Amino acid sequence: MNKIYAITTNDKYEYTALIKEATRQLNEYFNGERKVFDLFLDLTGTSFQIKVWQELLKILYGETKSYKDVGINNSKAC
């Protein structure tokens, strides 16, 4: 398995190993113990979406960027 999935049945969730790892990394991040994530991300989308996601991955810990900042110079993005 190389993607994160949540499977729902009757309001119950089945947590895959990747979802558990994502949860662990998010908890570490919010506890101030992690500054970089190392999960596999399947960047499937339009070429514009992929460019935006690649820019989002460049934002360092503690930085903030607006949507306009990562709009990849696309006037329609904002």
PDB file of N, CA and C in Angstrom:
ATOM      1  N   MET A   1       0.848  -1.171   0.000  1.00  0.00           N
ATOM      2  CA  MET A   1       0.000   0.000   0.000  1.00  0.00           C
ATOM      3  C   MET A   1       0.892   1.232   0.000  1.00  0.00           C
ATOM      4  N   ASN A   2       0.588   2.192  -0.860  1.00  0.00           N
ATOM      5  CA  ASN A   2       1.393   3.400  -0.915  1.00  0.00           C
ATOM      6  C   ASN A   2       0.558   4.676  -0.886  1.00  0.00           C
ATOM      7  N   LYS A   3      -0.676   4.571  -0.463  1.00  0.00           N
ATOM      8  CA  LYS A   3      -1.546   5.729  -0.322  1.00  0.00           C
ATOM      9  C   LYS A   3      -2.276   5.642   1.009  1.00  0.00           C
ATOM     10  N   ILE A   4      -2.692   6.803   1.522  1.00  0.00           N
ATOM     11  CA  ILE A   4      -3.452   6.830   2.767  1.00  0.00           C
ATOM     12  C   ILE A   4      -4.932   6.744   2.424  1.00  0.00           C
ATOM     13  N   TYR A   5      -5.610   5.782   3.030  1.00  0.00           N
ATOM     14  CA  TYR A   5      -7.043   5.595   2.820  1.00  0.00           C
ATOM     15  C   TYR A   5      -7.751   5.467   4.164  1.00  0.00           C
ATOM     16  N   ALA A   6      -8.960   5.933   4.214  1.00  0.00           N
ATOM     17  CA  ALA A   6      -9.832   5.657   5.353  1.00  0.00           C
ATOM     18  C   ALA A   6     -11.059   4.963   4.779  1.00  0.00           C
ATOM     19  N   ILE A   7     -11.407   3.834   5.334  1.00  0.00           N
ATOM     20  CA  ILE A   7     -12.570   3.088   4.869  1.00  0.00           C
ATOM     21  C   ILE A   7     -13.640   3.197   5.938  1.00  0.00           C
ATOM     22  N   THR A   8     -14.823   3.660   5.546  1.00  0.00           N
ATOM     23  CA  THR A   8     -15.884   3.836   6.532  1.00  0.00           C
ATOM     24  C   THR A   8     -17.015   2.857   6.279  1.00  0.00           C
ATOM     25  N   THR A   9     -17.520   2.329   7.364  1.00  0.00           N
ATOM     26  CA  THR A   9     -18.684   1.456   7.329  1.00  0.00           C
ATOM     27  C   THR A   9     -19.454   1.699   8.614  1.00  0.00           C
ATOM     28  N   ASN A  10     -20.699   2.097   8.489  1.00  0.00           N
ATOM     29  CA  ASN A  10     -21.527   2.355   9.674  1.00  0.00           C
ATOM     30  C   ASN A  10     -20.845   3.299  10.660  1.00  0.00           C
ATOM     31  N   ASP A  11     -20.280   4.383  10.136  1.00  0.00           N
ATOM     32  CA  ASP A  11     -19.612   5.399  10.956  1.00  0.00           C
ATOM     33  C   ASP A  11     -18.389   4.879  11.701  1.00  0.00           C
ATOM     34  N   LYS A  12     -17.848   3.755  11.321  1.00  0.00           N
ATOM     35  CA  LYS A  12     -16.626   3.246  11.943  1.00  0.00           C
ATOM     36  C   LYS A  12     -15.505   3.345  10.923  1.00  0.00           C
ATOM     37  N   TYR A  13     -14.321   3.649  11.398  1.00  0.00           N
ATOM     38  CA  TYR A  13     -13.178   3.820  10.518  1.00  0.00           C
ATOM     39  C   TYR A  13     -12.198   2.674  10.698  1.00  0.00           C
ATOM     40  N   GLU A  14     -11.648   2.220   9.586  1.00  0.00           N
ATOM     41  CA  GLU A  14     -10.561   1.249   9.627  1.00  0.00           C
ATOM     42  C   GLU A  14      -9.278   2.034   9.374  1.00  0.00           C
ATOM     43  N   TYR A  15      -8.375   2.010  10.318  1.00  0.00           N
ATOM     44  CA  TYR A  15      -7.150   2.779  10.190  1.00  0.00           C
ATOM     45  C   TYR A  15      -6.045   1.917   9.598  1.00  0.00           C
ATOM     46  N   THR A  16      -5.542   2.346   8.446  1.00  0.00           N
ATOM     47  CA  THR A  16      -4.437   1.635   7.818  1.00  0.00           C
ATOM     48  C   THR A  16      -3.140   2.026   8.513  1.00  0.00           C
ATOM     49  N   ALA A  17      -2.082   1.318   8.198  1.00  0.00           N
ATOM     50  CA  ALA A  17      -0.770   1.638   8.775  1.00  0.00           C
ATOM     51  C   ALA A  17      -0.353   3.061   8.413  1.00  0.00           C
ATOM     52  N   LEU A  18      -0.665   3.491   7.195  1.00  0.00           N
ATOM     53  CA  LEU A  18      -0.286   4.845   6.793  1.00  0.00           C
ATOM     54  C   LEU A  18      -1.095   5.907   7.520  1.00  0.00           C
ATOM     55  N   ILE A  19      -2.367   5.647   7.777  1.00  0.00           N
ATOM     56  CA  ILE A  19      -3.169   6.606   8.541  1.00  0.00           C
ATOM     57  C   ILE A  19      -2.649   6.684   9.972  1.00  0.00           C
ATOM     58  N   LYS A  20      -2.287   5.557  10.537  1.00  0.00           N
ATOM     59  CA  LYS A  20      -1.716   5.558  11.889  1.00  0.00           C
ATOM     60  C   LYS A  20      -0.418   6.354  11.918  1.00  0.00           C
ATOM     61  N   GLU A  21       0.418   6.183  10.892  1.00  0.00           N
ATOM     62  CA  GLU A  21       1.681   6.922  10.831  1.00  0.00           C
ATOM     63  C   GLU A  21       1.425   8.415  10.655  1.00  0.00           C
ATOM     64  N   ALA A  22       0.464   8.777   9.815  1.00  0.00           N
ATOM     65  CA  ALA A  22       0.124  10.188   9.639  1.00  0.00           C
ATOM     66  C   ALA A  22      -0.377  10.784  10.950  1.00  0.00           C
ATOM     67  N   THR A  23      -1.200  10.040  11.669  1.00  0.00           N
ATOM     68  CA  THR A  23      -1.704  10.488  12.967  1.00  0.00           C
ATOM     69  C   THR A  23      -0.556  10.696  13.942  1.00  0.00           C
ATOM     70  N   ARG A  24       0.378   9.747  13.968  1.00  0.00           N
ATOM     71  CA  ARG A  24       1.538   9.856  14.858  1.00  0.00           C
ATOM     72  C   ARG A  24       2.355  11.100  14.522  1.00  0.00           C
ATOM     73  N   GLN A  25       2.609  11.313  13.240  1.00  0.00           N
ATOM     74  CA  GLN A  25       3.409  12.463  12.839  1.00  0.00           C
ATOM     75  C   GLN A  25       2.692  13.779  13.125  1.00  0.00           C
ATOM     76  N   LEU A  26       1.389  13.828  12.917  1.00  0.00           N
ATOM     77  CA  LEU A  26       0.635  15.041  13.237  1.00  0.00           C
ATOM     78  C   LEU A  26       0.654  15.322  14.732  1.00  0.00           C
ATOM     79  N   ASN A  27       0.481  14.293  15.545  1.00  0.00           N
ATOM     80  CA  ASN A  27       0.552  14.480  16.999  1.00  0.00           C
ATOM     81  C   ASN A  27       1.915  15.008  17.408  1.00  0.00           C
ATOM     82  N   GLU A  28       2.975  14.450  16.831  1.00  0.00           N
ATOM     83  CA  GLU A  28       4.326  14.932  17.133  1.00  0.00           C
ATOM     84  C   GLU A  28       4.481  16.397  16.723  1.00  0.00           C
ATOM     85  N   TYR A  29       3.938  16.745  15.570  1.00  0.00           N
ATOM     86  CA  TYR A  29       4.013  18.121  15.086  1.00  0.00           C
ATOM     87  C   TYR A  29       3.320  19.074  16.057  1.00  0.00           C
ATOM     88  N   PHE A  30       2.100  18.740  16.448  1.00  0.00           N
ATOM     89  CA  PHE A  30       1.345  19.624  17.329  1.00  0.00           C
ATOM     90  C   PHE A  30       1.892  19.641  18.752  1.00  0.00           C
ATOM     91  N   ASN A  31       2.682  18.643  19.119  1.00  0.00           N
ATOM     92  CA  ASN A  31       3.362  18.636  20.413  1.00  0.00           C
ATOM     93  C   ASN A  31       4.729  19.304  20.341  1.00  0.00           C
ATOM     94  N   GLY A  32       5.084  19.848  19.180  1.00  0.00           N
ATOM     95  CA  GLY A  32       6.360  20.531  19.010  1.00  0.00           C
ATOM     96  C   GLY A  32       7.549  19.598  18.866  1.00  0.00           C
ATOM     97  N   GLU A  33       7.298  18.325  18.592  1.00  0.00           N
ATOM     98  CA  GLU A  33       8.369  17.335  18.498  1.00  0.00           C
ATOM     99  C   GLU A  33       8.795  17.062  17.058  1.00  0.00           C
ATOM    100  N   ARG A  34       8.076  17.552  16.083  1.00  0.00           N
ATOM    101  CA  ARG A  34       8.366  17.257  14.670  1.00  0.00           C
ATOM    102  C   ARG A  34       8.246  18.546  13.870  1.00  0.00           C
ATOM    103  N   LYS A  35       9.196  18.744  12.946  1.00  0.00           N
ATOM    104  CA  LYS A  35       9.153  19.914  12.075  1.00  0.00           C
ATOM    105  C   LYS A  35       9.067  19.540  10.599  1.00  0.00           C
ATOM    106  N   VAL A  36       9.309  18.278  10.282  1.00  0.00           N
ATOM    107  CA  VAL A  36       9.289  17.803   8.897  1.00  0.00           C
ATOM    108  C   VAL A  36       8.486  16.512   8.845  1.00  0.00           C
ATOM    109  N   PHE A  37       7.628  16.392   7.850  1.00  0.00           N
ATOM    110  CA  PHE A  37       6.858  15.163   7.653  1.00  0.00           C
ATOM    111  C   PHE A  37       7.551  14.313   6.600  1.00  0.00           C
ATOM    112  N   ASP A  38       7.474  12.993   6.760  1.00  0.00           N
ATOM    113  CA  ASP A  38       8.108  12.111   5.784  1.00  0.00           C
ATOM    114  C   ASP A  38       7.147  11.031   5.293  1.00  0.00           C
ATOM    115  N   LEU A  39       5.915  11.426   5.069  1.00  0.00           N
ATOM    116  CA  LEU A  39       4.915  10.511   4.527  1.00  0.00           C
ATOM    117  C   LEU A  39       4.947  10.546   3.004  1.00  0.00           C
ATOM    118  N   PHE A  40       4.611   9.419   2.377  1.00  0.00           N
ATOM    119  CA  PHE A  40       4.473   9.384   0.927  1.00  0.00           C
ATOM    120  C   PHE A  40       3.209  10.141   0.546  1.00  0.00           C
ATOM    121  N   LEU A  41       3.327  11.057  -0.388  1.00  0.00           N
ATOM    122  CA  LEU A  41       2.167  11.793  -0.881  1.00  0.00           C
ATOM    123  C   LEU A  41       1.983  11.489  -2.358  1.00  0.00           C
ATOM    124  N   ASP A  42       0.802  11.059  -2.726  1.00  0.00           N
ATOM    125  CA  ASP A  42       0.478  10.800  -4.125  1.00  0.00           C
ATOM    126  C   ASP A  42      -0.091  12.085  -4.703  1.00  0.00           C
ATOM    127  N   LEU A  43       0.747  12.841  -5.396  1.00  0.00           N
ATOM    128  CA  LEU A  43       0.324  14.120  -5.939  1.00  0.00           C
ATOM    129  C   LEU A  43      -0.326  13.918  -7.306  1.00  0.00           C
ATOM    130  N   THR A  44      -1.550  13.415  -7.280  1.00  0.00           N
ATOM    131  CA  THR A  44      -2.308  13.208  -8.502  1.00  0.00           C
ATOM    132  C   THR A  44      -3.317  14.341  -8.628  1.00  0.00           C
ATOM    133  N   GLY A  45      -3.261  15.072  -9.704  1.00  0.00           N
ATOM    134  CA  GLY A  45      -4.180  16.176  -9.915  1.00  0.00           C
ATOM    135  C   GLY A  45      -3.858  16.859 -11.225  1.00  0.00           C
ATOM    136  N   THR A  46      -4.438  18.040 -11.408  1.00  0.00           N
ATOM    137  CA  THR A  46      -4.126  18.815 -12.607  1.00  0.00           C
ATOM    138  C   THR A  46      -2.700  19.335 -12.491  1.00  0.00           C
ATOM    139  N   SER A  47      -2.145  19.795 -13.593  1.00  0.00           N
ATOM    140  CA  SER A  47      -0.773  20.315 -13.534  1.00  0.00           C
ATOM    141  C   SER A  47      -0.701  21.509 -12.585  1.00  0.00           C
ATOM    142  N   PHE A  48      -1.744  22.344 -12.562  1.00  0.00           N
ATOM    143  CA  PHE A  48      -1.763  23.478 -11.639  1.00  0.00           C
ATOM    144  C   PHE A  48      -1.792  23.002 -10.187  1.00  0.00           C
ATOM    145  N   GLN A  49      -2.652  22.032  -9.879  1.00  0.00           N
ATOM    146  CA  GLN A  49      -2.733  21.515  -8.512  1.00  0.00           C
ATOM    147  C   GLN A  49      -1.386  20.943  -8.070  1.00  0.00           C
ATOM    148  N   ILE A  50      -0.755  20.186  -8.936  1.00  0.00           N
ATOM    149  CA  ILE A  50       0.533  19.579  -8.592  1.00  0.00           C
ATOM    150  C   ILE A  50       1.577  20.659  -8.327  1.00  0.00           C
ATOM    151  N   LYS A  51       1.592  21.722  -9.133  1.00  0.00           N
ATOM    152  CA  LYS A  51       2.538  22.823  -8.902  1.00  0.00           C
ATOM    153  C   LYS A  51       2.286  23.474  -7.545  1.00  0.00           C
ATOM    154  N   VAL A  52       1.015  23.695  -7.210  1.00  0.00           N
ATOM    155  CA  VAL A  52       0.679  24.305  -5.915  1.00  0.00           C
ATOM    156  C   VAL A  52       1.116  23.393  -4.778  1.00  0.00           C
ATOM    157  N   TRP A  53       0.817  22.093  -4.865  1.00  0.00           N
ATOM    158  CA  TRP A  53       1.196  21.155  -3.804  1.00  0.00           C
ATOM    159  C   TRP A  53       2.710  21.096  -3.642  1.00  0.00           C
ATOM    160  N   GLN A  54       3.437  21.150  -4.761  1.00  0.00           N
ATOM    161  CA  GLN A  54       4.895  21.146  -4.677  1.00  0.00           C
ATOM    162  C   GLN A  54       5.394  22.400  -3.966  1.00  0.00           C
ATOM    163  N   GLU A  55       4.749  23.535  -4.204  1.00  0.00           N
ATOM    164  CA  GLU A  55       5.116  24.767  -3.505  1.00  0.00           C
ATOM    165  C   GLU A  55       4.777  24.668  -2.016  1.00  0.00           C
ATOM    166  N   LEU A  56       3.648  24.051  -1.692  1.00  0.00           N
ATOM    167  CA  LEU A  56       3.275  23.884  -0.284  1.00  0.00           C
ATOM    168  C   LEU A  56       4.311  23.056   0.461  1.00  0.00           C
ATOM    169  N   LEU A  57       4.878  22.068  -0.210  1.00  0.00           N
ATOM    170  CA  LEU A  57       5.895  21.223   0.423  1.00  0.00           C
ATOM    171  C   LEU A  57       7.176  21.988   0.730  1.00  0.00           C
ATOM    172  N   LYS A  58       7.367  23.146   0.111  1.00  0.00           N
ATOM    173  CA  LYS A  58       8.563  23.960   0.339  1.00  0.00           C
ATOM    174  C   LYS A  58       8.421  24.894   1.539  1.00  0.00           C
ATOM    175  N   ILE A  59       7.213  25.019   2.077  1.00  0.00           N
ATOM    176  CA  ILE A  59       6.999  25.914   3.217  1.00  0.00           C
ATOM    177  C   ILE A  59       7.622  25.279   4.450  1.00  0.00           C
ATOM    178  N   LEU A  60       8.543  25.996   5.059  1.00  0.00           N
ATOM    179  CA  LEU A  60       9.266  25.474   6.211  1.00  0.00           C
ATOM    180  C   LEU A  60       8.463  25.622   7.497  1.00  0.00           C
ATOM    181  N   TYR A  61       8.860  24.879   8.495  1.00  0.00           N
ATOM    182  CA  TYR A  61       8.239  24.923   9.817  1.00  0.00           C
ATOM    183  C   TYR A  61       8.225  26.366  10.317  1.00  0.00           C
ATOM    184  N   GLY A  62       7.072  26.820  10.764  1.00  0.00           N
ATOM    185  CA  GLY A  62       6.940  28.157  11.328  1.00  0.00           C
ATOM    186  C   GLY A  62       6.639  29.239  10.300  1.00  0.00           C
ATOM    187  N   GLU A  63       6.760  28.934   9.022  1.00  0.00           N
ATOM    188  CA  GLU A  63       6.455  29.909   7.977  1.00  0.00           C
ATOM    189  C   GLU A  63       4.962  29.892   7.671  1.00  0.00           C
ATOM    190  N   THR A  64       4.465  31.012   7.220  1.00  0.00           N
ATOM    191  CA  THR A  64       3.093  31.067   6.722  1.00  0.00           C
ATOM    192  C   THR A  64       3.127  31.671   5.327  1.00  0.00           C
ATOM    193  N   LYS A  65       2.261  31.190   4.496  1.00  0.00           N
ATOM    194  CA  LYS A  65       2.142  31.707   3.133  1.00  0.00           C
ATOM    195  C   LYS A  65       0.657  31.803   2.813  1.00  0.00           C
ATOM    196  N   SER A  66       0.292  32.832   2.070  1.00  0.00           N
ATOM    197  CA  SER A  66      -1.096  32.963   1.631  1.00  0.00           C
ATOM    198  C   SER A  66      -1.307  32.123   0.379  1.00  0.00           C
ATOM    199  N   TYR A  67      -2.562  31.929   0.015  1.00  0.00           N
ATOM    200  CA  TYR A  67      -2.856  31.202  -1.214  1.00  0.00           C
ATOM    201  C   TYR A  67      -2.238  31.934  -2.401  1.00  0.00           C
ATOM    202  N   LYS A  68      -2.256  33.251  -2.342  1.00  0.00           N
ATOM    203  CA  LYS A  68      -1.652  34.038  -3.420  1.00  0.00           C
ATOM    204  C   LYS A  68      -0.158  33.752  -3.529  1.00  0.00           C
ATOM    205  N   ASP A  69       0.505  33.553  -2.391  1.00  0.00           N
ATOM    206  CA  ASP A  69       1.940  33.258  -2.392  1.00  0.00           C
ATOM    207  C   ASP A  69       2.263  31.963  -3.120  1.00  0.00           C
ATOM    208  N   VAL A  70       1.364  31.008  -3.082  1.00  0.00           N
ATOM    209  CA  VAL A  70       1.633  29.711  -3.716  1.00  0.00           C
ATOM    210  C   VAL A  70       0.794  29.512  -4.981  1.00  0.00           C
ATOM    211  N   GLY A  71       0.225  30.563  -5.502  1.00  0.00           N
ATOM    212  CA  GLY A  71      -0.622  30.484  -6.690  1.00  0.00           C
ATOM    213  C   GLY A  71       0.134  30.305  -7.984  1.00  0.00           C
ATOM    214  N   ILE A  72       1.441  30.174  -7.918  1.00  0.00           N
ATOM    215  CA  ILE A  72       2.299  29.874  -9.061  1.00  0.00           C
ATOM    216  C   ILE A  72       2.100  30.903 -10.183  1.00  0.00           C
ATOM    217  N   ASN A  73       1.994  32.173  -9.810  1.00  0.00           N
ATOM    218  CA  ASN A  73       1.857  33.254 -10.790  1.00  0.00           C
ATOM    219  C   ASN A  73       0.690  33.050 -11.753  1.00  0.00           C
ATOM    220  N   ASN A  74      -0.354  32.446 -11.268  1.00  0.00           N
ATOM    221  CA  ASN A  74      -1.546  32.234 -12.082  1.00  0.00           C
ATOM    222  C   ASN A  74      -2.582  33.266 -11.655  1.00  0.00           C
ATOM    223  N   SER A  75      -2.909  34.195 -12.532  1.00  0.00           N
ATOM    224  CA  SER A  75      -3.843  35.269 -12.170  1.00  0.00           C
ATOM    225  C   SER A  75      -5.228  34.742 -11.823  1.00  0.00           C
ATOM    226  N   LYS A  76      -5.580  33.561 -12.294  1.00  0.00           N
ATOM    227  CA  LYS A  76      -6.886  32.974 -11.988  1.00  0.00           C
ATOM    228  C   LYS A  76      -6.898  32.287 -10.624  1.00  0.00           C
ATOM    229  N   ALA A  77      -5.732  32.136 -10.004  1.00  0.00           N
ATOM    230  CA  ALA A  77      -5.634  31.390  -8.749  1.00  0.00           C
ATOM    231  C   ALA A  77      -6.142  32.189  -7.563  1.00  0.00           C
ATOM    232  N   CYS A  78      -6.176  33.498  -7.666  1.00  0.00           N
ATOM    233  CA  CYS A  78      -6.551  34.313  -6.507  1.00  0.00           C
ATOM    234  C   CYS A  78      -7.771  35.151  -6.804  1.00  0.00           C
TER     235      CYS A  78
END
